[in-house]
Amino acid sequence: MSGGTQDPGEPATEADLDPGHYHLRLYVAGQTSKSLSAMANLKRFCEEHLAGRYDIEVVDLLKNPQLAAGDQILAIPTLVRRLPSPLKRIIGDLSNTEKVLVGLDIRPKADGP
C-alpha cells in the first residue's frame, strides 16, 4: 500500500520490486513518546522526500517480540530500509532529517533549476 502502512503479514506487492520504491519497517515498543515521535517523523519525512514511492510497516515489539530477531533489532525505535538493497538501519526518533537522508541513502530533492 503505497504511502501508508501495512501489516507485517501482508505479501510483497509489485511496488516492492521497483528499485525506486522504498519498503521501510519501523520497530517500536508500544505507544511511548519516542515511538510516537519516530512514527510521526517518519511519515513527515516520507511525504517530503519519497511521496508515492514508499511503504511503511510498523512492528510493535510488545505485541510481536519474535519479529526483532529477523532484522537483528537491539534498540528501539529502529527504522530498517528493507528495499531497495542493501538493508540499512537507523536507531532513534528520526528527528534529524539530514541523518535520515544519509542513513537511508536518499538524495535530497533539487530546489529547482
C-alpha atoms as a PDB file:
ATOM      1  CA  MET A   1       0.000   0.000   0.000  1.00  0.00           C
ATOM      2  CA  SER A   2       1.860   2.973  -1.285  1.00  0.00           C
ATOM      3  CA  GLY A   3       2.362   5.907   1.007  1.00  0.00           C
ATOM      4  CA  GLY A   4       0.879   4.169   4.011  1.00  0.00           C
ATOM      5  CA  THR A   5       1.345   1.392   6.472  1.00  0.00           C
ATOM      6  CA  GLN A   6       0.858  -2.322   6.063  1.00  0.00           C
ATOM      7  CA  ASP A   7       0.614  -5.328   8.327  1.00  0.00           C
ATOM      8  CA  PRO A   8       3.754  -7.466   8.724  1.00  0.00           C
ATOM      9  CA  GLY A   9       1.868 -10.483   7.333  1.00  0.00           C
ATOM     10  CA  GLU A  10       0.907  -8.876   4.015  1.00  0.00           C
ATOM     11  CA  PRO A  11       2.632 -10.305   0.934  1.00  0.00           C
ATOM     12  CA  ALA A  12       5.057  -8.223  -1.118  1.00  0.00           C
ATOM     13  CA  THR A  13       3.478  -6.110  -3.833  1.00  0.00           C
ATOM     14  CA  GLU A  14       4.732  -5.230  -7.314  1.00  0.00           C
ATOM     15  CA  ALA A  15       5.808  -1.862  -5.896  1.00  0.00           C
ATOM     16  CA  ASP A  16       8.313  -3.715  -3.699  1.00  0.00           C
ATOM     17  CA  LEU A  17      10.124  -4.829  -6.867  1.00  0.00           C
ATOM     18  CA  ASP A  18      10.509  -1.255  -8.184  1.00  0.00           C
ATOM     19  CA  PRO A  19      14.080  -0.064  -7.499  1.00  0.00           C
ATOM     20  CA  GLY A  20      12.811   3.469  -6.790  1.00  0.00           C
ATOM     21  CA  HIS A  21      10.328   2.196  -4.201  1.00  0.00           C
ATOM     22  CA  TYR A  22      11.260   2.132  -0.511  1.00  0.00           C
ATOM     23  CA  HIS A  23       9.984  -0.527   1.872  1.00  0.00           C
ATOM     24  CA  LEU A  24      10.572   0.726   5.414  1.00  0.00           C
ATOM     25  CA  ARG A  25       9.962  -1.175   8.633  1.00  0.00           C
ATOM     26  CA  LEU A  26       9.805   0.768  11.906  1.00  0.00           C
ATOM     27  CA  TYR A  27      10.280  -1.221  15.111  1.00  0.00           C
ATOM     28  CA  VAL A  28       8.674   0.320  18.195  1.00  0.00           C
ATOM     29  CA  ALA A  29       7.637  -0.823  21.671  1.00  0.00           C
ATOM     30  CA  GLY A  30       4.104   0.308  22.417  1.00  0.00           C
ATOM     31  CA  GLN A  31       2.878   3.894  22.321  1.00  0.00           C
ATOM     32  CA  THR A  32       5.798   5.571  24.091  1.00  0.00           C
ATOM     33  CA  SER A  33       6.672   9.192  23.328  1.00  0.00           C
ATOM     34  CA  LYS A  34       9.786   8.071  21.392  1.00  0.00           C
ATOM     35  CA  SER A  35       7.776   5.567  19.372  1.00  0.00           C
ATOM     36  CA  LEU A  36       5.063   8.106  18.532  1.00  0.00           C
ATOM     37  CA  SER A  37       7.689  10.715  17.655  1.00  0.00           C
ATOM     38  CA  ALA A  38       9.522   8.258  15.383  1.00  0.00           C
ATOM     39  CA  MET A  39       6.259   7.343  13.583  1.00  0.00           C
ATOM     40  CA  ALA A  40       5.297  10.995  13.052  1.00  0.00           C
ATOM     41  CA  ASN A  41       8.803  11.971  11.916  1.00  0.00           C
ATOM     42  CA  LEU A  42       8.971   9.019   9.512  1.00  0.00           C
ATOM     43  CA  LYS A  43       5.610   9.849   7.901  1.00  0.00           C
ATOM     44  CA  ARG A  44       6.593  13.525   7.529  1.00  0.00           C
ATOM     45  CA  PHE A  45       9.985  12.571   6.086  1.00  0.00           C
ATOM     46  CA  CYS A  46       8.465  10.119   3.590  1.00  0.00           C
ATOM     47  CA  GLU A  47       5.851  12.599   2.377  1.00  0.00           C
ATOM     48  CA  GLU A  48       8.539  15.260   1.859  1.00  0.00           C
ATOM     49  CA  HIS A  49      11.202  13.079   0.222  1.00  0.00           C
ATOM     50  CA  LEU A  50       9.581   9.857  -1.044  1.00  0.00           C
ATOM     51  CA  ALA A  51       5.993  10.848  -1.906  1.00  0.00           C
ATOM     52  CA  GLY A  52       4.267   7.935  -3.629  1.00  0.00           C
ATOM     53  CA  ARG A  53       7.382   5.741  -3.506  1.00  0.00           C
ATOM     54  CA  TYR A  54       7.248   4.120  -0.085  1.00  0.00           C
ATOM     55  CA  ASP A  55       5.563   1.616   2.205  1.00  0.00           C
ATOM     56  CA  ILE A  56       5.828   1.824   5.965  1.00  0.00           C
ATOM     57  CA  GLU A  57       5.411  -1.257   8.100  1.00  0.00           C
ATOM     58  CA  VAL A  58       5.215  -0.608  11.846  1.00  0.00           C
ATOM     59  CA  VAL A  59       6.160  -3.545  14.077  1.00  0.00           C
ATOM     60  CA  ASP A  60       5.223  -3.247  17.754  1.00  0.00           C
ATOM     61  CA  LEU A  61       7.640  -5.486  19.633  1.00  0.00           C
ATOM     62  CA  LEU A  62       5.351  -5.564  22.679  1.00  0.00           C
ATOM     63  CA  LYS A  63       2.836  -7.448  20.502  1.00  0.00           C
ATOM     64  CA  ASN A  64       5.303  -9.409  18.326  1.00  0.00           C
ATOM     65  CA  PRO A  65       8.656  -9.686  20.165  1.00  0.00           C
ATOM     66  CA  GLN A  66       9.770 -12.615  17.978  1.00  0.00           C
ATOM     67  CA  LEU A  67       9.998 -10.274  14.956  1.00  0.00           C
ATOM     68  CA  ALA A  68      13.011  -8.450  16.463  1.00  0.00           C
ATOM     69  CA  ALA A  69      15.367 -11.336  15.672  1.00  0.00           C
ATOM     70  CA  GLY A  70      14.750 -11.241  11.914  1.00  0.00           C
ATOM     71  CA  ASP A  71      16.271  -7.766  11.484  1.00  0.00           C
ATOM     72  CA  GLN A  72      18.624  -8.066  14.490  1.00  0.00           C
ATOM     73  CA  ILE A  73      16.931  -5.253  16.427  1.00  0.00           C
ATOM     74  CA  LEU A  74      18.913  -4.272  19.521  1.00  0.00           C
ATOM     75  CA  ALA A  75      17.379  -0.865  20.328  1.00  0.00           C
ATOM     76  CA  ILE A  76      14.076   0.878  19.659  1.00  0.00           C
ATOM     77  CA  PRO A  77      12.799   2.736  17.852  1.00  0.00           C
ATOM     78  CA  THR A  78      14.729   1.374  14.860  1.00  0.00           C
ATOM     79  CA  LEU A  79      13.964   2.036  11.208  1.00  0.00           C
ATOM     80  CA  VAL A  80      15.013  -0.633   8.713  1.00  0.00           C
ATOM     81  CA  ARG A  81      15.153   0.057   4.988  1.00  0.00           C
ATOM     82  CA  ARG A  82      14.347  -3.362   3.552  1.00  0.00           C
ATOM     83  CA  LEU A  83      14.180  -2.231  -0.085  1.00  0.00           C
ATOM     84  CA  PRO A  84      15.998  -1.123  -2.124  1.00  0.00           C
ATOM     85  CA  SER A  85      19.012  -3.222  -1.183  1.00  0.00           C
ATOM     86  CA  PRO A  86      21.255  -3.128   0.758  1.00  0.00           C
ATOM     87  CA  LEU A  87      19.428  -3.239   4.062  1.00  0.00           C
ATOM     88  CA  LYS A  88      20.029  -0.141   6.222  1.00  0.00           C
ATOM     89  CA  ARG A  89      19.157   0.667   9.864  1.00  0.00           C
ATOM     90  CA  ILE A  90      18.648   3.918  11.758  1.00  0.00           C
ATOM     91  CA  ILE A  91      18.148   3.991  15.527  1.00  0.00           C
ATOM     92  CA  GLY A  92      16.309   6.847  17.228  1.00  0.00           C
ATOM     93  CA  ASP A  93      13.266   9.079  16.827  1.00  0.00           C
ATOM     94  CA  LEU A  94      14.194  10.168  13.258  1.00  0.00           C
ATOM     95  CA  SER A  95      14.043  13.866  14.164  1.00  0.00           C
ATOM     96  CA  ASN A  96      17.293  14.705  12.326  1.00  0.00           C
ATOM     97  CA  THR A  97      16.273  14.853   8.646  1.00  0.00           C
ATOM     98  CA  GLU A  98      19.855  15.052   7.384  1.00  0.00           C
ATOM     99  CA  LYS A  99      20.821  11.940   9.357  1.00  0.00           C
ATOM    100  CA  VAL A 100      17.791  10.074   7.972  1.00  0.00           C
ATOM    101  CA  LEU A 101      18.641  11.116   4.390  1.00  0.00           C
ATOM    102  CA  VAL A 102      22.216   9.887   4.814  1.00  0.00           C
ATOM    103  CA  GLY A 103      21.187   6.766   6.719  1.00  0.00           C
ATOM    104  CA  LEU A 104      18.665   5.726   4.066  1.00  0.00           C
ATOM    105  CA  ASP A 105      20.953   6.840   1.214  1.00  0.00           C
ATOM    106  CA  ILE A 106      18.346   9.233  -0.197  1.00  0.00           C
ATOM    107  CA  ARG A 107      19.376  12.223  -2.243  1.00  0.00           C
ATOM    108  CA  PRO A 108      17.585  15.433  -1.236  1.00  0.00           C
ATOM    109  CA  LYS A 109      15.222  16.864  -3.846  1.00  0.00           C
ATOM    110  CA  ALA A 110      16.692  19.592  -6.032  1.00  0.00           C
ATOM    111  CA  ASP A 111      15.393  23.036  -5.098  1.00  0.00           C
ATOM    112  CA  GLY A 112      14.723  23.973  -8.706  1.00  0.00           C
ATOM    113  CA  PRO A 113      16.642  24.834 -11.871  1.00  0.00           C
END
